[in-house]
Amino acid sequence: MTSARVLSVNVGPARELAGQSELTAIDKQPVGARVRVGEYGVDDDEVGDKTHHGGVYQAVYVFAQEDLDLWTERLGRTVPHGFFGENLTTSGIDVNEALVGETWRIGTVLLEVVSVRIPCSTFALWLDSHGFDDTHWVKRFTVEGRPGPYLRVLEPGQLAAGDAIEVEHRPEHDVTVTTMFRALTTERSLLLRLAGLDRIDPEARETVHQYVERPLPTHA
């Protein structure tokens, strides 16, 4: 029996933060009932900035309790479930060591690891609005290299807090969530390792394509 499980399922409305006109749905709260998960995510969960968030390749965002504990220690205050904008708070599985293209069965839902969360100024503003130290937050979060994955919904269904996370398939490569994140942020040379992957989101695929097809430098 797997020890990996969902600790909470979190949803939230799209709204404005003080000092920002764009809508955000980063404010997510745990729900107690079993919820339906469809192609575009968890029922009753909204997307604020639909240009950069949401869609089938960012349907469900996952963050581990173990990583919330790390940030609780770093920030000196408890980071509650859902506070980082995650739909699923998990325990017992290193979500950042999951392979891109890995599939998980949770309840009756089948999900696939396809993308990673890239931190933005809204994330920092959210922390600041709740009294957390957001100094150089985007850089600090990026350097940590544990962003949590976005999941695509392969088979809609229902899930709830307490459900086990069963890894049904692991691809035959070694590109993890952390590797993908580093490739898209701080170590662009790692993009070459993403070039052969079929199961990544289109935006990341375009970044890989542009890197691979970039012109070689000329020398005098």
Protein backbone atom coordinates (compact mmCIF):
# COMPACT_ATOMS: atom_id res chain seq x y z
CA MET A 1 0.00 0.00 0.00
CA THR A 2 1.36 3.38 -0.96
CA SER A 3 2.08 5.98 1.72
CA ALA A 4 1.69 8.79 -0.78
CA ARG A 5 -1.60 10.59 -0.37
CA VAL A 6 -3.51 13.82 -0.79
CA LEU A 7 -3.67 15.85 2.43
CA SER A 8 -6.03 18.50 1.11
CA VAL A 9 -7.87 19.58 -2.02
CA ASN A 10 -7.85 23.37 -2.42
CA VAL A 11 -9.92 25.71 -4.59
CA GLY A 12 -10.39 29.45 -4.80
CA PRO A 13 -12.08 32.33 -6.63
CA ALA A 14 -10.41 34.80 -8.97
CA ARG A 15 -10.07 38.24 -7.40
CA GLU A 16 -7.86 41.31 -7.30
CA LEU A 17 -5.01 41.72 -4.82
CA ALA A 18 -4.26 45.12 -3.32
CA GLY A 19 -1.81 46.92 -5.55
CA GLN A 20 -2.58 44.81 -8.59
CA SER A 21 -5.37 45.17 -11.14
CA GLU A 22 -5.08 41.70 -12.67
CA LEU A 23 -7.21 38.91 -11.28
CA THR A 24 -5.57 36.01 -9.47
CA ALA A 25 -6.91 32.80 -7.95
CA ILE A 26 -3.86 32.08 -5.80
CA ASP A 27 -6.03 32.26 -2.67
CA LYS A 28 -7.11 28.64 -2.35
CA GLN A 29 -8.80 27.04 0.65
CA PRO A 30 -9.23 23.34 1.53
CA VAL A 31 -12.57 21.72 0.78
CA GLY A 32 -13.87 18.77 2.74
CA ALA A 33 -16.04 17.05 0.17
CA ARG A 34 -15.07 14.75 -2.68
CA VAL A 35 -14.72 16.91 -5.79
CA ARG A 36 -14.97 16.37 -9.51
CA VAL A 37 -11.88 16.96 -11.63
CA GLY A 38 -12.42 17.60 -15.32
CA GLU A 39 -10.24 18.44 -18.29
CA TYR A 40 -9.65 22.00 -17.06
CA GLY A 41 -9.19 21.24 -13.37
CA VAL A 42 -11.04 20.99 -10.09
CA ASP A 43 -14.68 22.01 -10.00
CA ASP A 44 -15.28 25.43 -8.37
CA ASP A 45 -11.63 26.43 -8.80
CA GLU A 46 -11.15 29.56 -10.88
CA VAL A 47 -8.29 30.97 -12.97
CA GLY A 48 -7.46 34.66 -12.77
CA ASP A 49 -4.81 35.34 -15.41
CA LYS A 50 -5.94 33.07 -18.23
CA THR A 51 -3.10 34.27 -20.44
CA HIS A 52 -0.44 32.65 -18.27
CA HIS A 53 -2.38 30.14 -16.19
CA GLY A 54 -4.98 27.44 -16.59
CA GLY A 55 -5.86 25.30 -19.58
CA VAL A 56 -5.46 21.57 -19.99
CA TYR A 57 -1.68 21.65 -19.36
CA GLN A 58 -2.08 23.50 -16.06
CA ALA A 59 -5.30 21.86 -14.92
CA VAL A 60 -4.13 20.80 -11.46
CA TYR A 61 -1.24 22.27 -9.48
CA VAL A 62 0.47 20.18 -6.80
CA PHE A 63 2.70 21.16 -3.90
CA ALA A 64 4.06 18.83 -1.24
CA GLN A 65 3.62 19.20 2.50
CA GLU A 66 7.30 18.45 2.83
CA ASP A 67 8.07 21.56 0.77
CA LEU A 68 5.54 23.66 2.68
CA ASP A 69 7.41 22.57 5.81
CA LEU A 70 10.67 23.73 4.25
CA TRP A 71 9.21 27.16 3.52
CA THR A 72 7.60 27.32 6.94
CA GLU A 73 11.08 26.98 8.39
CA ARG A 74 12.62 29.49 5.96
CA LEU A 75 9.87 32.07 6.36
CA GLY A 76 9.45 31.64 10.11
CA ARG A 77 5.67 31.23 9.84
CA THR A 78 3.40 28.31 9.08
CA VAL A 79 2.46 28.01 5.42
CA PRO A 80 -1.04 26.48 5.36
CA HIS A 81 -2.50 24.13 2.77
CA GLY A 82 -3.43 25.93 -0.43
CA PHE A 83 -1.46 29.07 0.40
CA PHE A 84 0.99 28.60 -2.47
CA GLY A 85 -1.96 28.29 -4.83
CA GLU A 86 -1.85 24.51 -5.05
CA ASN A 87 -4.93 22.45 -5.80
CA LEU A 88 -3.52 19.35 -4.14
CA THR A 89 -1.32 19.33 -1.05
CA THR A 90 0.42 15.97 -0.92
CA SER A 91 2.47 13.87 1.48
CA GLY A 92 4.76 10.89 1.08
CA ILE A 93 5.84 11.51 -2.52
CA ASP A 94 8.63 13.74 -3.78
CA VAL A 95 6.61 15.55 -6.42
CA ASN A 96 9.71 17.34 -7.73
CA GLU A 97 11.45 14.05 -8.46
CA ALA A 98 8.45 12.89 -10.50
CA LEU A 99 9.31 12.34 -14.14
CA VAL A 100 7.79 14.48 -16.84
CA GLY A 101 5.12 12.25 -18.40
CA GLU A 102 4.62 10.24 -15.21
CA THR A 103 0.97 9.37 -14.51
CA TRP A 104 -0.80 9.22 -11.16
CA ARG A 105 -4.12 7.69 -10.18
CA ILE A 106 -5.86 9.63 -7.41
CA GLY A 107 -9.38 8.51 -6.61
CA THR A 108 -10.90 7.86 -10.02
CA VAL A 109 -8.82 10.58 -11.74
CA LEU A 110 -5.81 9.81 -13.92
CA LEU A 111 -3.31 12.69 -14.08
CA GLU A 112 -0.08 13.28 -15.97
CA VAL A 113 2.93 15.42 -15.01
CA VAL A 114 3.38 17.85 -17.92
CA SER A 115 4.62 21.23 -16.67
CA VAL A 116 6.08 23.22 -13.77
CA ARG A 117 5.13 26.33 -11.84
CA ILE A 118 7.22 29.40 -12.69
CA PRO A 119 7.12 32.01 -9.88
CA CYS A 120 5.91 35.53 -10.67
CA SER A 121 5.40 38.92 -9.04
CA THR A 122 1.82 38.00 -8.06
CA PHE A 123 3.21 35.18 -5.93
CA ALA A 124 5.49 37.65 -4.12
CA LEU A 125 2.68 40.17 -3.68
CA TRP A 126 0.47 37.45 -2.21
CA LEU A 127 3.10 36.63 0.44
CA ASP A 128 3.62 40.31 1.23
CA SER A 129 -0.12 40.88 1.64
CA HIS A 130 -0.15 38.24 4.38
CA GLY A 131 2.89 39.50 6.26
CA PHE A 132 5.43 37.02 4.91
CA ASP A 133 8.93 38.11 3.96
CA ASP A 134 8.74 38.39 0.16
CA THR A 135 12.23 39.88 -0.26
CA HIS A 136 13.66 38.61 -3.58
CA TRP A 137 10.91 35.99 -3.45
CA VAL A 138 10.98 34.98 -7.12
CA LYS A 139 14.73 34.43 -6.95
CA ARG A 140 14.55 32.54 -3.65
CA PHE A 141 11.81 30.25 -4.88
CA THR A 142 13.67 29.67 -8.15
CA VAL A 143 16.99 28.88 -6.47
CA GLU A 144 15.28 26.28 -4.29
CA GLY A 145 14.33 24.36 -7.43
CA ARG A 146 11.26 22.65 -5.94
CA PRO A 147 8.38 24.29 -7.81
CA GLY A 148 5.77 21.56 -7.79
CA PRO A 149 4.27 20.17 -11.00
CA TYR A 150 1.25 20.99 -13.09
CA LEU A 151 -0.83 17.97 -14.05
CA ARG A 152 -2.97 17.29 -17.09
CA VAL A 153 -6.19 15.32 -16.62
CA LEU A 154 -6.16 12.19 -18.76
CA GLU A 155 -9.27 10.64 -17.22
CA PRO A 156 -11.77 12.87 -15.39
CA GLY A 157 -13.28 11.65 -12.16
CA GLN A 158 -13.46 12.42 -8.48
CA LEU A 159 -10.92 12.69 -5.69
CA ALA A 160 -10.73 13.87 -2.09
CA ALA A 161 -8.36 14.53 0.77
CA GLY A 162 -7.07 11.21 2.09
CA ASP A 163 -6.95 9.51 -1.30
CA ALA A 164 -3.82 7.53 -2.14
CA ILE A 165 -1.53 8.61 -4.96
CA GLU A 166 -0.70 5.60 -7.13
CA VAL A 167 2.04 6.03 -9.72
CA GLU A 168 0.73 4.08 -12.71
CA HIS A 169 3.46 4.83 -15.24
CA ARG A 170 7.00 6.18 -15.24
CA PRO A 171 8.63 7.04 -18.59
CA GLU A 172 11.98 5.63 -19.61
CA HIS A 173 13.97 8.85 -19.20
CA ASP A 174 15.41 10.79 -16.27
CA VAL A 175 13.92 14.27 -16.77
CA THR A 176 12.32 15.24 -13.49
CA VAL A 177 10.12 18.17 -12.53
CA THR A 178 13.17 19.88 -11.02
CA THR A 179 15.20 19.32 -14.19
CA MET A 180 12.44 20.82 -16.31
CA PHE A 181 12.17 23.80 -13.97
CA ARG A 182 15.90 24.47 -14.04
CA ALA A 183 15.88 24.19 -17.84
CA LEU A 184 13.16 26.83 -18.11
CA THR A 185 14.71 29.18 -15.56
CA THR A 186 18.37 29.09 -14.56
CA GLU A 187 20.11 26.41 -16.69
CA ARG A 188 19.02 26.83 -20.29
CA SER A 189 21.46 24.22 -21.54
CA LEU A 190 19.21 21.62 -19.91
CA LEU A 191 16.57 22.43 -22.53
CA LEU A 192 18.35 19.95 -24.78
CA ARG A 193 17.25 17.20 -22.37
CA LEU A 194 13.63 18.22 -22.92
CA ALA A 195 13.93 18.12 -26.71
CA GLY A 196 13.10 14.43 -27.01
CA LEU A 197 10.10 14.45 -24.68
CA ASP A 198 6.62 14.03 -26.11
CA ARG A 199 4.68 14.82 -22.95
CA ILE A 200 5.32 18.47 -22.15
CA ASP A 201 3.12 21.52 -22.43
CA PRO A 202 3.17 23.45 -25.73
CA GLU A 203 4.68 26.61 -24.23
CA ALA A 204 7.66 24.68 -22.88
CA ARG A 205 7.95 22.84 -26.19
CA GLU A 206 8.17 26.16 -28.02
CA THR A 207 10.90 27.33 -25.62
CA VAL A 208 12.83 24.14 -26.34
CA HIS A 209 12.35 24.57 -30.09
CA GLN A 210 13.63 28.15 -30.02
CA TYR A 211 16.68 27.10 -28.02
CA VAL A 212 17.53 24.13 -30.23
CA GLU A 213 17.04 26.14 -33.42
CA ARG A 214 18.91 29.23 -32.19
CA PRO A 215 21.67 30.48 -34.52
CA LEU A 216 25.22 29.60 -33.58
CA PRO A 217 27.45 32.50 -32.50
CA THR A 218 29.79 33.91 -35.10
CA HIS A 219 33.43 34.63 -34.43
CA ALA A 220 35.57 37.27 -36.06
